[in-house]
């Protein structure tokens, strides 16, 4: 994802290259423990589509931590799917545990939700709860202002008419609302 040397090069003050880079949410402690838990409301960037062919809904929020701008992206539909998939996996895991724990150790999907003690294994509800906070989310870091939102009147008008939002009706987010970049 992000090579430290590349990121340093991109973040020099006179860098003319705007960037958006994907970041690891689970492996980077500051992102996992601070950025994801940072208070703030998500802003709707793309509304839920009318039919299955429409793009998925998208919500975003900005978090600035240690002079770095992060964009937390949330797809509510994907979040629901991931929660349902995890529930199915945990039910299958519970059924397998009743048959015996040894067969589960080689299964990577099951193993991440298990706590193994001596000769037994049990479902770790804390691990399940921890994993749920990543549902439908991904993270970007950027040195630019990435937000553009359709105005409320445009969203209401186009949804009422059953049309998609034309690109020319996008209203730029006011950069003065954002904290200054270093």
C-alpha atoms as a PDB file:
ATOM      1  CA  UNK A   1       0.000   0.000   0.000  1.00  0.00           C
ATOM      2  CA  UNK A   2       2.095   2.966   1.214  1.00  0.00           C
ATOM      3  CA  UNK A   3       5.860   2.838   1.080  1.00  0.00           C
ATOM      4  CA  UNK A   4       7.281   5.208   3.753  1.00  0.00           C
ATOM      5  CA  UNK A   5       9.908   6.619   1.372  1.00  0.00           C
ATOM      6  CA  UNK A   6       7.309   7.312  -1.314  1.00  0.00           C
ATOM      7  CA  UNK A   7       5.026   8.986   1.202  1.00  0.00           C
ATOM      8  CA  UNK A   8       7.877  11.209   2.441  1.00  0.00           C
ATOM      9  CA  UNK A   9       8.596  12.234  -1.145  1.00  0.00           C
ATOM     10  CA  UNK A  10       4.940  13.048  -1.782  1.00  0.00           C
ATOM     11  CA  UNK A  11       4.590  15.064   1.417  1.00  0.00           C
ATOM     12  CA  UNK A  12       7.386  17.574   0.902  1.00  0.00           C
ATOM     13  CA  UNK A  13       5.882  21.093   1.097  1.00  0.00           C
ATOM     14  CA  UNK A  14       6.651  22.025  -2.513  1.00  0.00           C
ATOM     15  CA  UNK A  15       5.239  18.794  -3.982  1.00  0.00           C
ATOM     16  CA  UNK A  16       2.949  19.641  -6.909  1.00  0.00           C
ATOM     17  CA  UNK A  17       1.525  16.098  -7.149  1.00  0.00           C
ATOM     18  CA  UNK A  18      -1.861  15.584  -5.494  1.00  0.00           C
ATOM     19  CA  UNK A  19      -2.308  12.044  -4.233  1.00  0.00           C
ATOM     20  CA  UNK A  20      -4.868   9.646  -2.811  1.00  0.00           C
ATOM     21  CA  UNK A  21      -3.387   6.504  -1.309  1.00  0.00           C
ATOM     22  CA  UNK A  22      -5.087   3.503   0.240  1.00  0.00           C
ATOM     23  CA  UNK A  23      -4.049   2.805   3.818  1.00  0.00           C
ATOM     24  CA  UNK A  24      -4.106  -0.337   5.931  1.00  0.00           C
ATOM     25  CA  UNK A  25      -6.788  -0.078   8.569  1.00  0.00           C
ATOM     26  CA  UNK A  26      -6.110  -3.201  10.604  1.00  0.00           C
ATOM     27  CA  UNK A  27      -2.311  -3.173  10.731  1.00  0.00           C
ATOM     28  CA  UNK A  28      -1.554   0.505  11.440  1.00  0.00           C
ATOM     29  CA  UNK A  29      -2.210   1.159  15.125  1.00  0.00           C
ATOM     30  CA  UNK A  30      -2.991   4.901  14.830  1.00  0.00           C
ATOM     31  CA  UNK A  31      -5.495   4.278  12.055  1.00  0.00           C
ATOM     32  CA  UNK A  32      -7.096   1.302  13.778  1.00  0.00           C
ATOM     33  CA  UNK A  33      -7.293   2.903  17.233  1.00  0.00           C
ATOM     34  CA  UNK A  34      -7.646   6.630  16.538  1.00  0.00           C
ATOM     35  CA  UNK A  35      -8.823   7.397  13.012  1.00  0.00           C
ATOM     36  CA  UNK A  36     -11.623   4.819  12.877  1.00  0.00           C
ATOM     37  CA  UNK A  37     -12.863   5.843  16.336  1.00  0.00           C
ATOM     38  CA  UNK A  38     -12.579   9.572  15.684  1.00  0.00           C
ATOM     39  CA  UNK A  39     -15.895  11.336  16.281  1.00  0.00           C
ATOM     40  CA  UNK A  40     -17.621  13.005  13.393  1.00  0.00           C
ATOM     41  CA  UNK A  41     -20.493  12.445  11.040  1.00  0.00           C
ATOM     42  CA  UNK A  42     -20.247  10.816   7.678  1.00  0.00           C
ATOM     43  CA  UNK A  43     -21.346  12.923   4.719  1.00  0.00           C
ATOM     44  CA  UNK A  44     -23.382  11.291   1.984  1.00  0.00           C
ATOM     45  CA  UNK A  45     -21.406  11.570  -1.263  1.00  0.00           C
ATOM     46  CA  UNK A  46     -23.504   9.209  -3.343  1.00  0.00           C
ATOM     47  CA  UNK A  47     -27.084   8.251  -2.428  1.00  0.00           C
ATOM     48  CA  UNK A  48     -28.406   4.707  -2.516  1.00  0.00           C
ATOM     49  CA  UNK A  49     -29.240   3.690  -6.065  1.00  0.00           C
ATOM     50  CA  UNK A  50     -32.754   2.996  -7.284  1.00  0.00           C
ATOM     51  CA  UNK A  51     -31.935  -0.317  -8.972  1.00  0.00           C
ATOM     52  CA  UNK A  52     -29.149  -2.895  -8.806  1.00  0.00           C
ATOM     53  CA  UNK A  53     -27.208  -1.346 -11.709  1.00  0.00           C
ATOM     54  CA  UNK A  54     -26.788   1.988  -9.921  1.00  0.00           C
ATOM     55  CA  UNK A  55     -23.517   2.674  -8.096  1.00  0.00           C
ATOM     56  CA  UNK A  56     -23.423   1.811  -4.411  1.00  0.00           C
ATOM     57  CA  UNK A  57     -24.074   4.448  -1.781  1.00  0.00           C
ATOM     58  CA  UNK A  58     -20.997   6.134  -0.364  1.00  0.00           C
ATOM     59  CA  UNK A  59     -20.454   8.112   2.818  1.00  0.00           C
ATOM     60  CA  UNK A  60     -17.180   9.774   3.805  1.00  0.00           C
ATOM     61  CA  UNK A  61     -15.686  11.619   6.726  1.00  0.00           C
ATOM     62  CA  UNK A  62     -12.395  13.379   7.087  1.00  0.00           C
ATOM     63  CA  UNK A  63     -10.036  12.897  10.024  1.00  0.00           C
ATOM     64  CA  UNK A  64      -6.777  14.788  10.509  1.00  0.00           C
ATOM     65  CA  UNK A  65      -4.262  13.008  12.728  1.00  0.00           C
ATOM     66  CA  UNK A  66      -0.616  14.014  13.160  1.00  0.00           C
ATOM     67  CA  UNK A  67      -0.881  16.515  10.262  1.00  0.00           C
ATOM     68  CA  UNK A  68      -2.073  13.787   7.905  1.00  0.00           C
ATOM     69  CA  UNK A  69      -5.496  13.912   6.260  1.00  0.00           C
ATOM     70  CA  UNK A  70      -7.438  10.638   6.185  1.00  0.00           C
ATOM     71  CA  UNK A  71     -10.690   9.987   4.382  1.00  0.00           C
ATOM     72  CA  UNK A  72     -12.781   7.222   5.964  1.00  0.00           C
ATOM     73  CA  UNK A  73     -15.124   5.790   3.318  1.00  0.00           C
ATOM     74  CA  UNK A  74     -18.228   3.783   4.172  1.00  0.00           C
ATOM     75  CA  UNK A  75     -20.419   1.748   1.848  1.00  0.00           C
ATOM     76  CA  UNK A  76     -23.516   0.918   3.950  1.00  0.00           C
ATOM     77  CA  UNK A  77     -24.630  -1.869   1.601  1.00  0.00           C
ATOM     78  CA  UNK A  78     -21.233  -3.554   1.784  1.00  0.00           C
ATOM     79  CA  UNK A  79     -21.236  -3.130   5.579  1.00  0.00           C
ATOM     80  CA  UNK A  80     -24.514  -5.046   5.785  1.00  0.00           C
ATOM     81  CA  UNK A  81     -23.210  -7.801   3.504  1.00  0.00           C
ATOM     82  CA  UNK A  82     -20.011  -8.193   5.533  1.00  0.00           C
ATOM     83  CA  UNK A  83     -22.019  -8.392   8.776  1.00  0.00           C
ATOM     84  CA  UNK A  84     -24.323 -11.069   7.303  1.00  0.00           C
ATOM     85  CA  UNK A  85     -21.346 -13.040   5.961  1.00  0.00           C
ATOM     86  CA  UNK A  86     -19.645 -12.914   9.358  1.00  0.00           C
ATOM     87  CA  UNK A  87     -22.844 -14.057  11.089  1.00  0.00           C
ATOM     88  CA  UNK A  88     -23.065 -17.059   8.737  1.00  0.00           C
ATOM     89  CA  UNK A  89     -19.399 -17.864   9.354  1.00  0.00           C
ATOM     90  CA  UNK A  90     -19.848 -17.685  13.141  1.00  0.00           C
ATOM     91  CA  UNK A  91     -22.909 -19.989  12.962  1.00  0.00           C
ATOM     92  CA  UNK A  92     -20.893 -22.478  10.879  1.00  0.00           C
ATOM     93  CA  UNK A  93     -18.015 -22.140  13.342  1.00  0.00           C
ATOM     94  CA  UNK A  94     -20.323 -22.885  16.246  1.00  0.00           C
ATOM     95  CA  UNK A  95     -21.589 -26.011  14.490  1.00  0.00           C
ATOM     96  CA  UNK A  96     -18.019 -27.145  13.750  1.00  0.00           C
ATOM     97  CA  UNK A  97     -16.945 -26.547  17.367  1.00  0.00           C
ATOM     98  CA  UNK A  98     -19.565 -29.036  18.496  1.00  0.00           C
ATOM     99  CA  UNK A  99     -17.885 -31.648  16.280  1.00  0.00           C
ATOM    100  CA  UNK A 100     -14.406 -30.913  17.639  1.00  0.00           C
ATOM    101  CA  UNK A 101     -11.918 -28.062  17.704  1.00  0.00           C
ATOM    102  CA  UNK A 102      -8.910 -29.704  16.023  1.00  0.00           C
ATOM    103  CA  UNK A 103     -10.397 -29.582  12.539  1.00  0.00           C
ATOM    104  CA  UNK A 104     -10.828 -25.796  12.806  1.00  0.00           C
ATOM    105  CA  UNK A 105      -7.198 -24.877  13.379  1.00  0.00           C
ATOM    106  CA  UNK A 106      -6.300 -25.131   9.697  1.00  0.00           C
ATOM    107  CA  UNK A 107      -9.233 -22.995   8.566  1.00  0.00           C
ATOM    108  CA  UNK A 108      -8.051 -19.386   8.370  1.00  0.00           C
ATOM    109  CA  UNK A 109     -11.589 -17.964   8.214  1.00  0.00           C
ATOM    110  CA  UNK A 110     -12.625 -19.779  11.372  1.00  0.00           C
ATOM    111  CA  UNK A 111      -9.332 -19.399  13.223  1.00  0.00           C
ATOM    112  CA  UNK A 112      -9.463 -15.614  13.390  1.00  0.00           C
ATOM    113  CA  UNK A 113     -12.591 -15.814  15.573  1.00  0.00           C
ATOM    114  CA  UNK A 114     -11.296 -18.520  17.905  1.00  0.00           C
ATOM    115  CA  UNK A 115      -9.496 -18.410  21.218  1.00  0.00           C
ATOM    116  CA  UNK A 116      -7.555 -21.592  21.822  1.00  0.00           C
ATOM    117  CA  UNK A 117      -6.876 -22.652  25.404  1.00  0.00           C
ATOM    118  CA  UNK A 118      -5.047 -25.882  26.249  1.00  0.00           C
ATOM    119  CA  UNK A 119      -7.177 -28.616  24.701  1.00  0.00           C
ATOM    120  CA  UNK A 120     -10.234 -26.553  23.838  1.00  0.00           C
ATOM    121  CA  UNK A 121     -11.315 -23.714  21.585  1.00  0.00           C
ATOM    122  CA  UNK A 122     -14.111 -21.198  21.958  1.00  0.00           C
ATOM    123  CA  UNK A 123     -15.608 -18.408  19.877  1.00  0.00           C
ATOM    124  CA  UNK A 124     -14.077 -15.077  20.873  1.00  0.00           C
ATOM    125  CA  UNK A 125     -16.896 -12.525  20.845  1.00  0.00           C
ATOM    126  CA  UNK A 126     -14.442  -9.652  21.377  1.00  0.00           C
ATOM    127  CA  UNK A 127     -12.681 -10.546  18.095  1.00  0.00           C
ATOM    128  CA  UNK A 128     -16.027 -10.655  16.313  1.00  0.00           C
ATOM    129  CA  UNK A 129     -17.010  -7.264  17.708  1.00  0.00           C
ATOM    130  CA  UNK A 130     -13.610  -5.811  16.806  1.00  0.00           C
ATOM    131  CA  UNK A 131     -13.889  -7.038  13.219  1.00  0.00           C
ATOM    132  CA  UNK A 132     -17.378  -5.525  12.871  1.00  0.00           C
ATOM    133  CA  UNK A 133     -16.048  -1.993  13.093  1.00  0.00           C
ATOM    134  CA  UNK A 134     -14.314  -2.468   9.724  1.00  0.00           C
ATOM    135  CA  UNK A 135     -17.521  -3.476   7.921  1.00  0.00           C
ATOM    136  CA  UNK A 136     -17.961  -1.615   4.650  1.00  0.00           C
ATOM    137  CA  UNK A 137     -15.058   0.739   5.321  1.00  0.00           C
ATOM    138  CA  UNK A 138     -11.840   1.591   3.597  1.00  0.00           C
ATOM    139  CA  UNK A 139      -9.370   4.373   4.164  1.00  0.00           C
ATOM    140  CA  UNK A 140      -7.482   6.859   2.015  1.00  0.00           C
ATOM    141  CA  UNK A 141      -4.829   9.410   2.870  1.00  0.00           C
ATOM    142  CA  UNK A 142      -4.443  12.516   0.757  1.00  0.00           C
ATOM    143  CA  UNK A 143      -2.721  15.880   0.451  1.00  0.00           C
ATOM    144  CA  UNK A 144      -5.621  17.509  -1.349  1.00  0.00           C
ATOM    145  CA  UNK A 145      -9.265  18.379  -0.799  1.00  0.00           C
ATOM    146  CA  UNK A 146     -11.143  15.387  -2.214  1.00  0.00           C
ATOM    147  CA  UNK A 147     -14.721  16.258  -1.386  1.00  0.00           C
ATOM    148  CA  UNK A 148     -17.415  17.152  -3.876  1.00  0.00           C
ATOM    149  CA  UNK A 149     -21.044  16.859  -2.882  1.00  0.00           C
ATOM    150  CA  UNK A 150     -24.251  17.276  -4.828  1.00  0.00           C
ATOM    151  CA  UNK A 151     -26.485  19.922  -3.322  1.00  0.00           C
ATOM    152  CA  UNK A 152     -29.561  18.732  -1.409  1.00  0.00           C
ATOM    153  CA  UNK A 153     -31.981  20.260  -3.948  1.00  0.00           C
ATOM    154  CA  UNK A 154     -30.203  18.516  -6.817  1.00  0.00           C
ATOM    155  CA  UNK A 155     -30.352  15.152  -5.051  1.00  0.00           C
ATOM    156  CA  UNK A 156     -34.068  15.533  -4.286  1.00  0.00           C
ATOM    157  CA  UNK A 157     -34.876  16.693  -7.811  1.00  0.00           C
ATOM    158  CA  UNK A 158     -32.984  13.946  -9.586  1.00  0.00           C
ATOM    159  CA  UNK A 159     -34.193  11.170  -7.299  1.00  0.00           C
ATOM    160  CA  UNK A 160     -37.795  12.307  -7.645  1.00  0.00           C
ATOM    161  CA  UNK A 161     -37.416  12.250 -11.429  1.00  0.00           C
ATOM    162  CA  UNK A 162     -35.696   8.858 -11.362  1.00  0.00           C
ATOM    163  CA  UNK A 163     -32.549  10.288 -12.984  1.00  0.00           C
ATOM    164  CA  UNK A 164     -28.930   9.796 -12.013  1.00  0.00           C
ATOM    165  CA  UNK A 165     -26.888  12.802 -10.911  1.00  0.00           C
ATOM    166  CA  UNK A 166     -25.214  14.415 -13.920  1.00  0.00           C
ATOM    167  CA  UNK A 167     -21.550  15.218 -13.280  1.00  0.00           C
ATOM    168  CA  UNK A 168     -22.066  18.893 -14.021  1.00  0.00           C
ATOM    169  CA  UNK A 169     -24.365  19.304 -11.017  1.00  0.00           C
ATOM    170  CA  UNK A 170     -21.673  18.521  -8.479  1.00  0.00           C
ATOM    171  CA  UNK A 171     -21.044  21.344  -6.028  1.00  0.00           C
ATOM    172  CA  UNK A 172     -17.495  21.640  -4.673  1.00  0.00           C
ATOM    173  CA  UNK A 173     -17.037  21.343  -0.940  1.00  0.00           C
ATOM    174  CA  UNK A 174     -15.812  24.582   0.642  1.00  0.00           C
ATOM    175  CA  UNK A 175     -12.102  24.075   1.444  1.00  0.00           C
ATOM    176  CA  UNK A 176     -12.230  26.777   4.140  1.00  0.00           C
ATOM    177  CA  UNK A 177     -14.149  24.238   6.281  1.00  0.00           C
ATOM    178  CA  UNK A 178     -11.094  21.981   6.299  1.00  0.00           C
ATOM    179  CA  UNK A 179      -8.091  22.308   8.596  1.00  0.00           C
ATOM    180  CA  UNK A 180      -5.033  23.724   6.825  1.00  0.00           C
ATOM    181  CA  UNK A 181      -2.467  21.319   5.455  1.00  0.00           C
ATOM    182  CA  UNK A 182       1.056  21.703   6.771  1.00  0.00           C
END
